[in-house]
């Protein structure tokens, strides 16, 4: 363990995120170990942090827990404590019942609760206080995602010497939707404390720039935002930039994993356990209403009902990892998903053959690589998604040039992976047609598509993403009027 004094004003590079990049594991003997957390954010940022000898500031994941800073996996970690009540109001409430549905084009009805907003402000201020204490002089601070949108502005007021970047991992909605947020101006002003604002897609950056013009004194020229002196405080008289920086994955690491003989053996074993189907289809998602799981299952069920897919020859494995299980909306979604899976299996199963294998659990990266490698068709069909790294992970694992990717045009990945079978998930008939195309594609045509997909994923990997963003941050902080 380390004391906070050893971290104070010493870190040259700080990542700030809602969660620490590790999960605590209690061993049978009672000892505590920390292991890398699953999820796209940790996968993307861990190598960047290690390379820059950085510090990660975030919540440990357990309410009412106060931990000293510590080191694990060559990373310095500084926990931020949250009470159980704050987790309910800041995280489950404002972040995930207000901002999440709002930013995903009203995929569910957002709730606007004044207490949630006040607690969101308080928690963001606590994060800013911790970062201000650990960041070295003129350190680079990279704030992550929608839970911490006020941190850049709060941090700018506390430490104007810092170079502050912010990256939004989820979409940023059009102004007609965003304007429903009662605290819309305060959130934009918080984000304007950054020197560089990164978004997944150009449309997201454009939406934010429009919100700036509509809600603040800011003017924009291309991607540059100018804050006049009359804006007041330390945010006035500055220039910053907002642009698209599509996030990616450690493609080389995933390919190396997929090439391991034990992973390839596990992929063959998985197909055997599933009855050696002619076509194995795979969906891998968090159990979230934005992921389009229900639409996908309806399309697959109709293909079975119509006889276009034979349940004796085609099997769908749907992994739906647990997510926000204390939020009522997610409990209802789980009931709906399990209901439609049960109906389809009830209609089309036979002894020893089940058309859908539904797995409401999380798996290790090794097991996921084996699943990706085993699958002939990958179904990534969100209703709205900032990026969706699962699509890129599937492509990275298929060094054999096998497989076909079915991808929603409403995922950020669709901007890059144009050789996937693209679809509108709201169009059930179109979704069915895309699934059939992927199932029936010839090996030669599939290899051509996969080769193009892999070229993009390998060239524009996580290191390219991080280097591009941090390089742009260096440039923007050198612009006249940047500070």
Protein backbone atom coordinates (compact mmCIF):
# COMPACT_ATOMS: atom_id res chain seq x y z
CA UNK A 1 0.00 0.00 0.00
CA UNK A 2 1.01 3.59 -0.64
CA UNK A 3 -0.01 6.69 1.26
CA UNK A 4 -1.51 9.62 -0.62
CA UNK A 5 1.52 11.77 0.23
CA UNK A 6 3.69 9.63 -2.06
CA UNK A 7 1.34 10.42 -4.95
CA UNK A 8 0.77 14.12 -4.26
CA UNK A 9 1.65 16.39 -7.18
CA UNK A 10 3.93 13.72 -8.70
CA UNK A 11 2.03 11.87 -11.45
CA UNK A 12 3.00 12.99 -14.99
CA UNK A 13 0.04 11.20 -16.60
CA UNK A 14 -3.35 10.58 -14.97
CA UNK A 15 -6.33 8.63 -16.26
CA UNK A 16 -9.61 9.45 -14.52
CA UNK A 17 -12.52 7.04 -14.90
CA UNK A 18 -15.57 6.02 -12.94
CA UNK A 19 -13.98 2.67 -12.05
CA UNK A 20 -10.49 1.47 -11.31
CA UNK A 21 -9.19 -0.93 -13.99
CA UNK A 22 -9.11 -3.87 -11.56
CA UNK A 23 -11.67 -6.02 -9.77
CA UNK A 24 -11.04 -7.31 -6.26
CA UNK A 25 -11.00 -11.10 -5.95
CA UNK A 26 -11.29 -12.68 -2.50
CA UNK A 27 -9.42 -15.99 -2.51
CA UNK A 28 -10.65 -19.07 -0.57
CA UNK A 29 -8.01 -18.42 2.11
CA UNK A 30 -9.41 -14.93 2.67
CA UNK A 31 -6.58 -13.10 0.93
CA UNK A 32 -7.42 -10.33 -1.55
CA UNK A 33 -6.12 -10.14 -5.09
CA UNK A 34 -6.75 -7.62 -7.88
CA UNK A 35 -7.33 -8.72 -11.47
CA UNK A 36 -7.88 -6.71 -14.68
CA UNK A 37 -11.54 -5.82 -15.17
CA UNK A 38 -13.38 -6.96 -18.29
CA UNK A 39 -14.64 -4.29 -20.65
CA UNK A 40 -13.58 -2.11 -23.53
CA UNK A 41 -12.34 0.87 -21.52
CA UNK A 42 -9.85 -1.13 -19.47
CA UNK A 43 -8.71 -3.12 -22.50
CA UNK A 44 -8.06 0.10 -24.38
CA UNK A 45 -6.34 2.12 -21.66
CA UNK A 46 -4.29 -0.38 -19.65
CA UNK A 47 -1.38 -0.59 -22.14
CA UNK A 48 -1.40 3.20 -22.57
CA UNK A 49 -1.19 3.74 -18.83
CA UNK A 50 1.60 1.22 -18.36
CA UNK A 51 3.61 2.73 -21.21
CA UNK A 52 3.32 6.23 -19.72
CA UNK A 53 3.96 5.17 -16.10
CA UNK A 54 0.66 6.72 -15.22
CA UNK A 55 -1.77 6.84 -12.35
CA UNK A 56 -5.41 5.77 -12.56
CA UNK A 57 -8.01 7.50 -10.40
CA UNK A 58 -11.36 5.74 -9.97
CA UNK A 59 -13.89 4.09 -7.69
CA UNK A 60 -13.00 0.64 -6.36
CA UNK A 61 -16.47 -0.75 -7.13
CA UNK A 62 -17.45 -1.37 -3.49
CA UNK A 63 -19.64 1.22 -1.74
CA UNK A 64 -18.63 2.66 1.64
CA UNK A 65 -15.03 1.50 1.20
CA UNK A 66 -12.01 3.69 1.81
CA UNK A 67 -8.74 2.39 0.34
CA UNK A 68 -5.28 3.91 0.31
CA UNK A 69 -3.56 4.30 -3.06
CA UNK A 70 -1.77 1.13 -4.15
CA UNK A 71 0.13 -0.40 -7.04
CA UNK A 72 -0.99 -3.39 -9.13
CA UNK A 73 -0.05 -4.67 -12.58
CA UNK A 74 2.60 -1.94 -12.86
CA UNK A 75 -0.06 0.73 -12.41
CA UNK A 76 -0.45 3.24 -9.60
CA UNK A 77 -4.08 3.28 -8.51
CA UNK A 78 -5.80 5.97 -6.45
CA UNK A 79 -9.29 4.95 -5.24
CA UNK A 80 -12.15 7.42 -4.84
CA UNK A 81 -14.68 6.39 -2.21
CA UNK A 82 -18.45 6.42 -2.82
CA UNK A 83 -21.20 5.70 -0.32
CA UNK A 84 -23.96 3.27 -1.16
CA UNK A 85 -26.38 6.19 -1.45
CA UNK A 86 -24.03 7.99 -3.86
CA UNK A 87 -23.76 4.89 -6.03
CA UNK A 88 -27.55 4.89 -6.26
CA UNK A 89 -27.87 8.58 -7.09
CA UNK A 90 -24.72 9.40 -9.08
CA UNK A 91 -24.11 6.12 -10.91
CA UNK A 92 -27.34 4.16 -11.15
CA UNK A 93 -29.41 7.32 -11.13
CA UNK A 94 -28.00 10.30 -13.03
CA UNK A 95 -25.36 8.44 -15.06
CA UNK A 96 -27.40 5.43 -16.09
CA UNK A 97 -31.06 6.39 -15.75
CA UNK A 98 -30.67 9.98 -17.01
CA UNK A 99 -27.60 10.36 -19.24
CA UNK A 100 -27.35 6.85 -20.69
CA UNK A 101 -30.82 6.69 -22.32
CA UNK A 102 -30.65 10.38 -23.29
CA UNK A 103 -27.28 9.97 -25.02
CA UNK A 104 -28.47 6.81 -26.78
CA UNK A 105 -31.25 8.64 -28.63
CA UNK A 106 -33.94 7.91 -26.02
CA UNK A 107 -33.62 4.13 -26.28
CA UNK A 108 -35.45 4.28 -22.94
CA UNK A 109 -37.17 7.19 -21.20
CA UNK A 110 -34.62 9.25 -19.23
CA UNK A 111 -35.51 10.28 -15.68
CA UNK A 112 -34.69 13.81 -14.51
CA UNK A 113 -34.21 13.88 -10.75
CA UNK A 114 -32.83 16.99 -9.05
CA UNK A 115 -31.27 15.05 -6.18
CA UNK A 116 -29.41 12.80 -8.64
CA UNK A 117 -28.01 15.90 -10.31
CA UNK A 118 -26.79 17.36 -7.02
CA UNK A 119 -25.04 14.11 -6.07
CA UNK A 120 -23.54 13.88 -9.58
CA UNK A 121 -22.04 17.35 -9.03
CA UNK A 122 -20.70 16.37 -5.60
CA UNK A 123 -19.07 13.17 -6.83
CA UNK A 124 -17.51 14.92 -9.83
CA UNK A 125 -16.06 17.52 -7.45
CA UNK A 126 -14.55 14.74 -5.31
CA UNK A 127 -12.90 13.18 -8.37
CA UNK A 128 -11.53 16.59 -9.37
CA UNK A 129 -10.11 17.14 -5.86
CA UNK A 130 -8.27 13.81 -5.93
CA UNK A 131 -6.84 14.42 -9.39
CA UNK A 132 -5.73 17.92 -8.45
CA UNK A 133 -3.80 16.38 -5.55
CA UNK A 134 -2.02 13.62 -7.49
CA UNK A 135 -1.24 15.28 -10.85
CA UNK A 136 2.26 16.70 -11.29
CA UNK A 137 3.03 20.15 -12.65
CA UNK A 138 1.66 20.47 -16.21
CA UNK A 139 0.68 16.81 -16.13
CA UNK A 140 -1.55 15.30 -18.78
CA UNK A 141 -4.95 14.33 -17.36
CA UNK A 142 -7.24 12.17 -19.48
CA UNK A 143 -10.82 12.12 -18.18
CA UNK A 144 -13.00 9.27 -19.38
CA UNK A 145 -16.68 9.16 -20.21
CA UNK A 146 -20.10 10.49 -19.35
CA UNK A 147 -20.01 9.83 -15.60
CA UNK A 148 -17.37 12.57 -15.17
CA UNK A 149 -18.42 15.34 -17.55
CA UNK A 150 -18.04 18.08 -14.92
CA UNK A 151 -14.48 17.09 -13.97
CA UNK A 152 -12.68 19.03 -16.76
CA UNK A 153 -14.21 22.36 -15.72
CA UNK A 154 -13.75 21.71 -12.00
CA UNK A 155 -10.17 20.62 -12.57
CA UNK A 156 -9.43 23.67 -14.75
CA UNK A 157 -10.49 25.90 -11.85
CA UNK A 158 -8.30 24.00 -9.36
CA UNK A 159 -5.24 23.37 -11.55
CA UNK A 160 -5.02 25.67 -14.60
CA UNK A 161 -1.51 24.35 -15.33
CA UNK A 162 -2.81 20.91 -16.32
CA UNK A 163 -3.29 19.69 -19.89
CA UNK A 164 -6.75 18.16 -19.82
CA UNK A 165 -8.27 15.76 -22.33
CA UNK A 166 -11.77 14.27 -22.20
CA UNK A 167 -13.00 11.27 -24.16
CA UNK A 168 -16.68 10.39 -24.49
CA UNK A 169 -17.06 6.65 -25.06
CA UNK A 170 -20.79 6.81 -25.75
CA UNK A 171 -22.64 8.85 -28.38
CA UNK A 172 -23.35 12.54 -27.93
CA UNK A 173 -26.93 13.19 -29.06
CA UNK A 174 -28.32 15.79 -31.42
CA UNK A 175 -29.37 19.07 -29.80
CA UNK A 176 -33.10 18.32 -30.14
CA UNK A 177 -32.58 15.39 -27.76
CA UNK A 178 -29.79 16.82 -25.62
CA UNK A 179 -31.77 20.00 -24.94
CA UNK A 180 -34.24 17.99 -22.82
CA UNK A 181 -31.61 17.75 -20.08
CA UNK A 182 -32.48 20.38 -17.46
CA UNK A 183 -28.77 20.86 -16.67
CA UNK A 184 -27.65 20.95 -20.29
CA UNK A 185 -25.66 24.19 -20.02
CA UNK A 186 -23.82 23.13 -16.85
CA UNK A 187 -22.70 19.86 -18.46
CA UNK A 188 -21.42 21.62 -21.58
CA UNK A 189 -19.57 24.19 -19.48
CA UNK A 190 -17.98 21.36 -17.49
CA UNK A 191 -16.73 19.74 -20.68
CA UNK A 192 -15.36 23.06 -21.94
CA UNK A 193 -12.77 22.93 -19.17
CA UNK A 194 -10.83 20.44 -21.30
CA UNK A 195 -8.23 21.35 -23.91
CA UNK A 196 -9.30 18.50 -26.19
CA UNK A 197 -12.66 16.73 -26.36
CA UNK A 198 -12.70 13.38 -28.13
CA UNK A 199 -15.75 11.61 -29.52
CA UNK A 200 -16.22 8.31 -31.34
CA UNK A 201 -17.81 9.67 -34.52
CA UNK A 202 -17.79 12.93 -36.44
CA UNK A 203 -21.52 13.27 -35.89
CA UNK A 204 -20.97 13.13 -32.11
CA UNK A 205 -18.39 15.92 -32.28
CA UNK A 206 -20.69 17.98 -34.51
CA UNK A 207 -23.56 17.50 -32.08
CA UNK A 208 -21.39 18.77 -29.23
CA UNK A 209 -20.16 21.77 -31.21
CA UNK A 210 -23.77 22.72 -31.93
CA UNK A 211 -24.64 22.43 -28.24
CA UNK A 212 -21.73 24.77 -27.46
CA UNK A 213 -23.01 27.40 -29.86
CA UNK A 214 -26.59 27.12 -28.62
CA UNK A 215 -25.91 27.08 -24.88
CA UNK A 216 -22.75 29.13 -24.23
CA UNK A 217 -20.79 32.16 -25.43
CA UNK A 218 -18.54 29.83 -27.42
CA UNK A 219 -17.99 30.21 -31.15
CA UNK A 220 -16.66 27.45 -33.38
CA UNK A 221 -14.48 27.36 -36.47
CA UNK A 222 -14.23 23.82 -37.77
CA UNK A 223 -13.19 21.72 -34.78
CA UNK A 224 -11.81 24.69 -32.81
CA UNK A 225 -13.91 26.19 -30.00
CA UNK A 226 -13.20 29.74 -28.90
CA UNK A 227 -14.32 30.94 -25.49
CA UNK A 228 -14.38 34.73 -25.29
CA UNK A 229 -13.04 36.54 -22.22
CA UNK A 230 -16.56 37.54 -21.20
CA UNK A 231 -17.30 33.85 -20.60
CA UNK A 232 -15.74 34.56 -17.21
CA UNK A 233 -13.54 32.66 -14.79
CA UNK A 234 -10.63 30.52 -15.87
CA UNK A 235 -12.57 29.06 -18.81
CA UNK A 236 -12.79 32.44 -20.58
CA UNK A 237 -10.38 33.54 -23.29
CA UNK A 238 -9.35 30.04 -24.25
CA UNK A 239 -9.24 27.87 -27.32
CA UNK A 240 -9.89 24.15 -27.34
CA UNK A 241 -10.79 21.50 -29.86
CA UNK A 242 -13.45 18.82 -30.31
CA UNK A 243 -12.95 15.99 -32.79
CA UNK A 244 -13.52 12.31 -33.53
CA UNK A 245 -11.01 9.73 -32.33
CA UNK A 246 -12.55 6.26 -32.82
CA UNK A 247 -11.39 3.94 -30.07
CA UNK A 248 -9.95 0.52 -30.86
CA UNK A 249 -8.42 -2.61 -29.34
CA UNK A 250 -5.09 -4.35 -28.80
CA UNK A 251 -5.43 -6.19 -32.11
CA UNK A 252 -1.99 -7.81 -32.03
CA UNK A 253 -2.54 -9.12 -28.51
CA UNK A 254 -5.91 -10.63 -29.40
CA UNK A 255 -4.56 -12.25 -32.56
CA UNK A 256 -1.68 -13.75 -30.58
CA UNK A 257 -4.21 -15.16 -28.13
CA UNK A 258 -6.34 -16.64 -30.93
CA UNK A 259 -3.25 -18.28 -32.47
CA UNK A 260 -2.43 -20.20 -29.30
CA UNK A 261 -2.93 -23.96 -29.77
CA UNK A 262 -4.95 -24.26 -26.55
CA UNK A 263 -7.36 -21.53 -27.68
CA UNK A 264 -7.81 -23.18 -31.07
CA UNK A 265 -8.38 -26.52 -29.36
CA UNK A 266 -10.97 -24.87 -27.10
CA UNK A 267 -12.72 -23.39 -30.15
CA UNK A 268 -13.04 -26.87 -31.68
CA UNK A 269 -14.23 -28.22 -28.34
CA UNK A 270 -16.91 -25.54 -28.12
CA UNK A 271 -18.27 -26.43 -31.53
CA UNK A 272 -18.34 -30.06 -30.48
CA UNK A 273 -20.23 -29.24 -27.28
CA UNK A 274 -22.78 -27.38 -29.42
CA UNK A 275 -23.34 -30.40 -31.66
CA UNK A 276 -20.93 -29.42 -34.46
CA UNK A 277 -23.42 -27.14 -36.25
CA UNK A 278 -22.89 -26.23 -39.89
CA UNK A 279 -23.12 -22.57 -38.90
CA UNK A 280 -22.41 -21.17 -35.45
CA UNK A 281 -23.76 -17.66 -34.90
CA UNK A 282 -22.59 -15.58 -31.94
CA UNK A 283 -23.80 -12.51 -30.08
CA UNK A 284 -21.75 -10.99 -27.26
CA UNK A 285 -23.20 -8.03 -25.38
CA UNK A 286 -23.78 -6.50 -22.02
CA UNK A 287 -27.42 -7.04 -21.13
CA UNK A 288 -28.47 -3.52 -22.12
CA UNK A 289 -31.47 -2.19 -24.01
CA UNK A 290 -29.20 -0.27 -26.40
CA UNK A 291 -27.61 -3.47 -27.72
CA UNK A 292 -30.56 -4.59 -29.82
CA UNK A 293 -30.63 -8.10 -28.36
CA UNK A 294 -34.42 -8.38 -28.55
CA UNK A 295 -34.52 -7.24 -32.19
CA UNK A 296 -31.78 -9.73 -33.07
CA UNK A 297 -33.56 -12.61 -31.36
CA UNK A 298 -36.85 -11.76 -33.09
CA UNK A 299 -35.13 -11.79 -36.48
CA UNK A 300 -33.43 -15.11 -35.75
CA UNK A 301 -36.68 -16.60 -34.47
CA UNK A 302 -38.53 -15.57 -37.63
CA UNK A 303 -35.84 -17.14 -39.81
CA UNK A 304 -36.40 -20.40 -37.92
CA UNK A 305 -40.19 -20.05 -38.11
CA UNK A 306 -40.04 -19.51 -41.87
CA UNK A 307 -37.70 -22.44 -42.44
CA UNK A 308 -34.95 -20.23 -43.87
CA UNK A 309 -32.61 -21.44 -41.15
CA UNK A 310 -32.68 -25.07 -40.03
CA UNK A 311 -32.33 -25.43 -36.22
CA UNK A 312 -30.60 -28.75 -36.83
CA UNK A 313 -27.81 -26.99 -38.73
CA UNK A 314 -27.65 -23.49 -37.21
CA UNK A 315 -26.98 -22.58 -33.59
CA UNK A 316 -26.92 -19.13 -31.98
CA UNK A 317 -24.88 -18.57 -28.83
CA UNK A 318 -25.98 -15.35 -27.10
CA UNK A 319 -23.69 -14.14 -24.33
CA UNK A 320 -25.40 -11.41 -22.28
CA UNK A 321 -23.09 -10.40 -19.47
CA UNK A 322 -24.79 -9.00 -16.34
CA UNK A 323 -25.12 -5.23 -16.27
CA UNK A 324 -26.59 -2.71 -13.77
CA UNK A 325 -28.78 -5.36 -12.22
CA UNK A 326 -30.14 -3.01 -9.56
CA UNK A 327 -31.66 -0.76 -12.23
CA UNK A 328 -35.32 -1.67 -12.85
CA UNK A 329 -35.12 -1.14 -16.63
CA UNK A 330 -32.43 -3.83 -16.87
CA UNK A 331 -34.40 -6.29 -14.77
CA UNK A 332 -37.31 -5.96 -17.19
CA UNK A 333 -34.98 -6.42 -20.16
CA UNK A 334 -33.59 -9.64 -18.72
CA UNK A 335 -37.11 -10.99 -18.31
CA UNK A 336 -37.97 -10.11 -21.92
CA UNK A 337 -34.78 -11.64 -23.34
CA UNK A 338 -35.17 -14.85 -21.38
CA UNK A 339 -38.82 -15.01 -22.38
CA UNK A 340 -38.14 -14.82 -26.13
CA UNK A 341 -35.23 -17.28 -25.84
CA UNK A 342 -37.53 -19.71 -24.07
CA UNK A 343 -40.23 -19.34 -26.74
CA UNK A 344 -37.84 -19.89 -29.64
CA UNK A 345 -36.21 -22.88 -27.98
CA UNK A 346 -39.60 -24.28 -27.05
CA UNK A 347 -40.78 -24.06 -30.67
CA UNK A 348 -37.64 -25.34 -32.38
CA UNK A 349 -35.65 -27.57 -30.02
CA UNK A 350 -35.38 -31.31 -30.37
CA UNK A 351 -33.69 -33.88 -28.17
CA UNK A 352 -29.99 -32.97 -28.13
CA UNK A 353 -30.47 -29.85 -30.29
CA UNK A 354 -31.17 -26.32 -29.06
CA UNK A 355 -31.22 -23.40 -31.51
CA UNK A 356 -30.23 -20.74 -28.92
CA UNK A 357 -27.72 -21.15 -26.11
CA UNK A 358 -28.25 -18.20 -23.80
CA UNK A 359 -25.47 -17.41 -21.32
CA UNK A 360 -26.14 -14.69 -18.74
CA UNK A 361 -22.60 -14.53 -17.41
CA UNK A 362 -19.15 -13.13 -18.08
CA UNK A 363 -16.19 -15.06 -19.46
CA UNK A 364 -12.42 -14.77 -19.40
CA UNK A 365 -10.63 -13.23 -22.38
CA UNK A 366 -9.32 -16.70 -23.26
CA UNK A 367 -12.82 -18.16 -23.42
CA UNK A 368 -14.03 -15.16 -25.42
CA UNK A 369 -11.20 -15.58 -27.94
CA UNK A 370 -12.19 -19.24 -28.35
CA UNK A 371 -15.83 -18.26 -28.89
CA UNK A 372 -14.87 -15.65 -31.49
CA UNK A 373 -12.68 -18.17 -33.28
CA UNK A 374 -15.40 -20.83 -33.21
CA UNK A 375 -18.12 -18.56 -34.60
CA UNK A 376 -18.92 -18.47 -38.31
CA UNK A 377 -21.14 -15.38 -38.03
CA UNK A 378 -20.83 -12.58 -35.49
CA UNK A 379 -24.00 -10.57 -34.80
CA UNK A 380 -23.35 -7.03 -33.54
CA UNK A 381 -26.67 -5.21 -33.86
CA UNK A 382 -26.98 -2.36 -31.33
CA UNK A 383 -29.71 0.24 -31.66
CA UNK A 384 -27.10 2.87 -30.79
CA UNK A 385 -23.50 2.43 -29.72
CA UNK A 386 -20.53 4.72 -29.35
CA UNK A 387 -18.17 2.21 -30.93
CA UNK A 388 -18.67 -1.47 -30.01
CA UNK A 389 -15.30 -3.12 -29.55
CA UNK A 390 -16.77 -6.64 -29.79
CA UNK A 391 -16.94 -6.22 -33.57
CA UNK A 392 -13.25 -5.38 -33.70
CA UNK A 393 -12.32 -8.18 -31.29
CA UNK A 394 -14.04 -10.74 -33.52
CA UNK A 395 -12.15 -9.48 -36.57
CA UNK A 396 -8.81 -9.47 -34.74
CA UNK A 397 -9.23 -13.12 -33.72
CA UNK A 398 -9.91 -14.32 -37.29
CA UNK A 399 -6.37 -14.54 -38.62
CA UNK A 400 -7.69 -17.54 -40.60
CA UNK A 401 -9.85 -15.14 -42.70
CA UNK A 402 -12.92 -17.18 -41.80
CA UNK A 403 -16.09 -15.71 -40.45
CA UNK A 404 -18.57 -12.98 -41.29
CA UNK A 405 -19.48 -9.86 -39.34
CA UNK A 406 -23.08 -8.61 -39.28
CA UNK A 407 -22.98 -5.04 -37.98
CA UNK A 408 -25.50 -2.34 -37.13
CA UNK A 409 -24.99 0.93 -38.98
CA UNK A 410 -25.77 2.66 -35.67
CA UNK A 411 -22.57 1.39 -34.05
CA UNK A 412 -19.53 3.64 -34.30
CA UNK A 413 -17.59 0.67 -35.67
CA UNK A 414 -19.71 0.80 -38.84
CA UNK A 415 -17.85 3.95 -39.93
CA UNK A 416 -14.64 1.91 -40.14
CA UNK A 417 -15.77 -1.65 -40.84
CA UNK A 418 -17.50 -0.99 -44.13
CA UNK A 419 -16.91 -4.56 -45.38
CA UNK A 420 -19.20 -6.02 -42.74
CA UNK A 421 -22.79 -6.93 -43.58
CA UNK A 422 -24.37 -3.65 -42.48
CA UNK A 423 -27.98 -3.38 -41.35
CA UNK A 424 -30.61 -1.24 -39.66
CA UNK A 425 -31.57 -3.22 -36.54
CA UNK A 426 -35.01 -1.61 -36.41
CA UNK A 427 -35.72 -3.22 -39.82
CA UNK A 428 -36.42 -6.84 -38.89
CA UNK A 429 -36.74 -7.95 -42.52
CA UNK A 430 -33.47 -6.21 -43.39
CA UNK A 431 -31.80 -7.81 -40.38
CA UNK A 432 -33.00 -11.24 -41.49
CA UNK A 433 -31.67 -10.62 -45.00
CA UNK A 434 -28.25 -9.58 -43.67
CA UNK A 435 -28.05 -12.65 -41.42
CA UNK A 436 -28.88 -14.89 -44.37
CA UNK A 437 -26.24 -13.19 -46.52
CA UNK A 438 -23.63 -13.80 -43.85
CA UNK A 439 -24.70 -17.41 -43.32
CA UNK A 440 -24.63 -18.16 -47.06
CA UNK A 441 -21.56 -16.17 -48.12
CA UNK A 442 -18.97 -18.22 -49.99
CA UNK A 443 -15.64 -18.90 -48.25
CA UNK A 444 -13.79 -16.88 -50.90
CA UNK A 445 -16.07 -13.85 -50.55
CA UNK A 446 -15.94 -14.10 -46.75
CA UNK A 447 -12.13 -14.16 -46.86
CA UNK A 448 -12.05 -11.04 -49.05
CA UNK A 449 -14.28 -9.17 -46.63
CA UNK A 450 -12.38 -10.36 -43.57
CA UNK A 451 -9.06 -9.35 -45.09
CA UNK A 452 -10.32 -5.79 -45.56
CA UNK A 453 -11.79 -5.70 -42.05
CA UNK A 454 -8.56 -6.94 -40.52
CA UNK A 455 -6.48 -4.38 -42.36
CA UNK A 456 -8.47 -1.61 -40.74
CA UNK A 457 -8.50 -3.11 -37.24
CA UNK A 458 -4.80 -3.93 -37.23
CA UNK A 459 -3.63 -0.57 -38.59
CA UNK A 460 -5.93 1.55 -36.42
CA UNK A 461 -5.45 -0.27 -33.13
CA UNK A 462 -5.58 0.98 -29.53
CA UNK A 463 -2.05 2.34 -29.73
CA UNK A 464 -2.96 4.40 -32.80
CA UNK A 465 -6.04 5.71 -30.96
CA UNK A 466 -4.13 6.73 -27.85
CA UNK A 467 -1.16 8.19 -29.74
CA UNK A 468 -3.48 10.17 -32.02
CA UNK A 469 -5.48 11.59 -29.12
CA UNK A 470 -2.46 12.41 -26.95
CA UNK A 471 -0.62 13.89 -29.94
CA UNK A 472 -3.63 16.10 -30.69
CA UNK A 473 -3.73 17.13 -27.02
CA UNK A 474 -0.10 18.21 -27.21
CA UNK A 475 -0.85 20.26 -30.32
CA UNK A 476 -3.95 21.95 -29.00
CA UNK A 477 -2.29 22.99 -25.73
CA UNK A 478 0.39 24.72 -27.81
CA UNK A 479 -2.18 26.80 -29.76
CA UNK A 480 -2.21 30.52 -29.02
CA UNK A 481 -4.83 31.13 -26.35
CA UNK A 482 -4.90 27.49 -25.26
CA UNK A 483 -4.41 28.46 -21.65
